[in-house]
Amino acid sequence: MAKPVGSDRLAIIRIEGMHCHRCETAIRKTLETCAGVHEVEVDFPTGQASVLYDKERIGVRQLMDTIIEAGYKVIGFSQRETDQA
């Protein structure tokens, strides 16, 4: 049975300081360890991370802090509710 996605949000976080695919992998793995994160995609050429997360368990501020703690600079973000099907 699929879990409800009513409280899920998608955050697109712009990141500075990624230099290669190893940076991309490091950020993805770090974000995946956060409770409430369902899916992470990081793209070093565009300098962005897309994170699908449960807003009742974690917030975008915590996601950004996790990236900063990993040694990268967050330069902005946007977010939106996911579509409920």
Protein backbone atom coordinates (compact mmCIF):
# COMPACT_ATOMS: atom_id res chain seq x y z
CA MET A 1 0.00 0.00 0.00
CA ALA A 2 1.40 3.39 -0.97
CA LYS A 3 1.88 5.93 1.77
CA PRO A 4 -0.10 9.18 1.59
CA VAL A 5 1.87 12.09 0.17
CA GLY A 6 -0.33 14.84 1.56
CA SER A 7 2.44 16.40 3.63
CA ASP A 8 5.22 16.00 1.06
CA ARG A 9 7.01 18.97 -0.44
CA LEU A 10 9.58 19.33 -3.17
CA ALA A 11 12.50 21.66 -2.51
CA ILE A 12 14.93 22.77 -5.18
CA ILE A 13 18.05 23.95 -3.39
CA ARG A 14 20.77 25.89 -5.22
CA ILE A 15 24.26 24.97 -4.05
CA GLU A 16 27.65 26.57 -4.58
CA GLY A 17 30.92 24.68 -4.19
CA MET A 18 30.25 21.45 -6.05
CA HIS A 19 33.20 20.71 -8.32
CA CYS A 20 32.60 17.15 -9.50
CA HIS A 21 30.36 14.11 -9.35
CA ARG A 22 31.94 13.11 -6.04
CA CYS A 23 30.53 16.32 -4.52
CA GLU A 24 27.15 15.43 -6.02
CA THR A 25 27.29 11.98 -4.44
CA ALA A 26 28.41 13.33 -1.05
CA ILE A 27 25.49 15.78 -0.87
CA ARG A 28 22.97 13.16 -2.01
CA LYS A 29 24.14 10.63 0.59
CA THR A 30 24.12 13.25 3.34
CA LEU A 31 20.57 14.36 2.55
CA GLU A 32 19.33 10.78 2.29
CA THR A 33 20.26 10.22 5.95
CA CYS A 34 17.81 12.91 7.11
CA ALA A 35 14.60 11.61 8.69
CA GLY A 36 11.63 12.56 6.53
CA VAL A 37 13.54 12.71 3.24
CA HIS A 38 11.96 10.44 0.63
CA GLU A 39 13.95 11.14 -2.53
CA VAL A 40 17.05 13.13 -3.46
CA GLU A 41 18.53 14.07 -6.81
CA VAL A 42 21.65 16.23 -7.00
CA ASP A 43 23.04 17.66 -10.24
CA PHE A 44 26.49 19.19 -10.03
CA PRO A 45 26.45 20.84 -13.53
CA THR A 46 23.37 22.90 -12.56
CA GLY A 47 24.35 23.21 -8.89
CA GLN A 48 20.98 22.03 -7.64
CA ALA A 49 19.51 19.43 -5.33
CA SER A 50 15.89 18.30 -5.65
CA VAL A 51 14.56 16.90 -2.39
CA LEU A 52 11.17 15.31 -1.82
CA TYR A 53 10.47 15.43 1.91
CA ASP A 54 7.75 15.17 4.53
CA LYS A 55 7.21 18.71 5.84
CA GLU A 56 5.83 17.31 9.09
CA ARG A 57 9.15 15.56 9.84
CA ILE A 58 11.78 17.94 8.44
CA GLY A 59 11.91 21.48 7.09
CA VAL A 60 13.79 23.12 4.27
CA ARG A 61 15.96 25.00 6.81
CA GLN A 62 17.18 21.66 8.19
CA LEU A 63 17.90 20.43 4.66
CA MET A 64 19.95 23.54 3.93
CA ASP A 65 21.79 23.25 7.26
CA THR A 66 22.70 19.66 6.37
CA ILE A 67 24.23 20.82 3.07
CA ILE A 68 26.13 23.61 4.85
CA GLU A 69 27.44 21.18 7.47
CA ALA A 70 28.73 18.99 4.60
CA GLY A 71 30.89 21.93 3.50
CA TYR A 72 28.85 23.52 0.72
CA LYS A 73 27.16 26.89 0.39
CA VAL A 74 23.40 27.20 -0.12
CA ILE A 75 22.59 30.18 -2.32
CA GLY A 76 18.81 29.85 -2.53
CA PHE A 77 15.83 27.56 -2.76
CA SER A 78 12.29 27.20 -4.00
CA GLN A 79 9.65 24.75 -2.84
CA ARG A 80 6.20 23.53 -3.68
CA GLU A 81 3.59 21.12 -2.44
CA THR A 82 3.46 17.82 -4.30
CA ASP A 83 0.40 16.96 -6.34
CA GLN A 84 -1.96 14.61 -4.55
CA ALA A 85 -3.28 11.91 -6.82
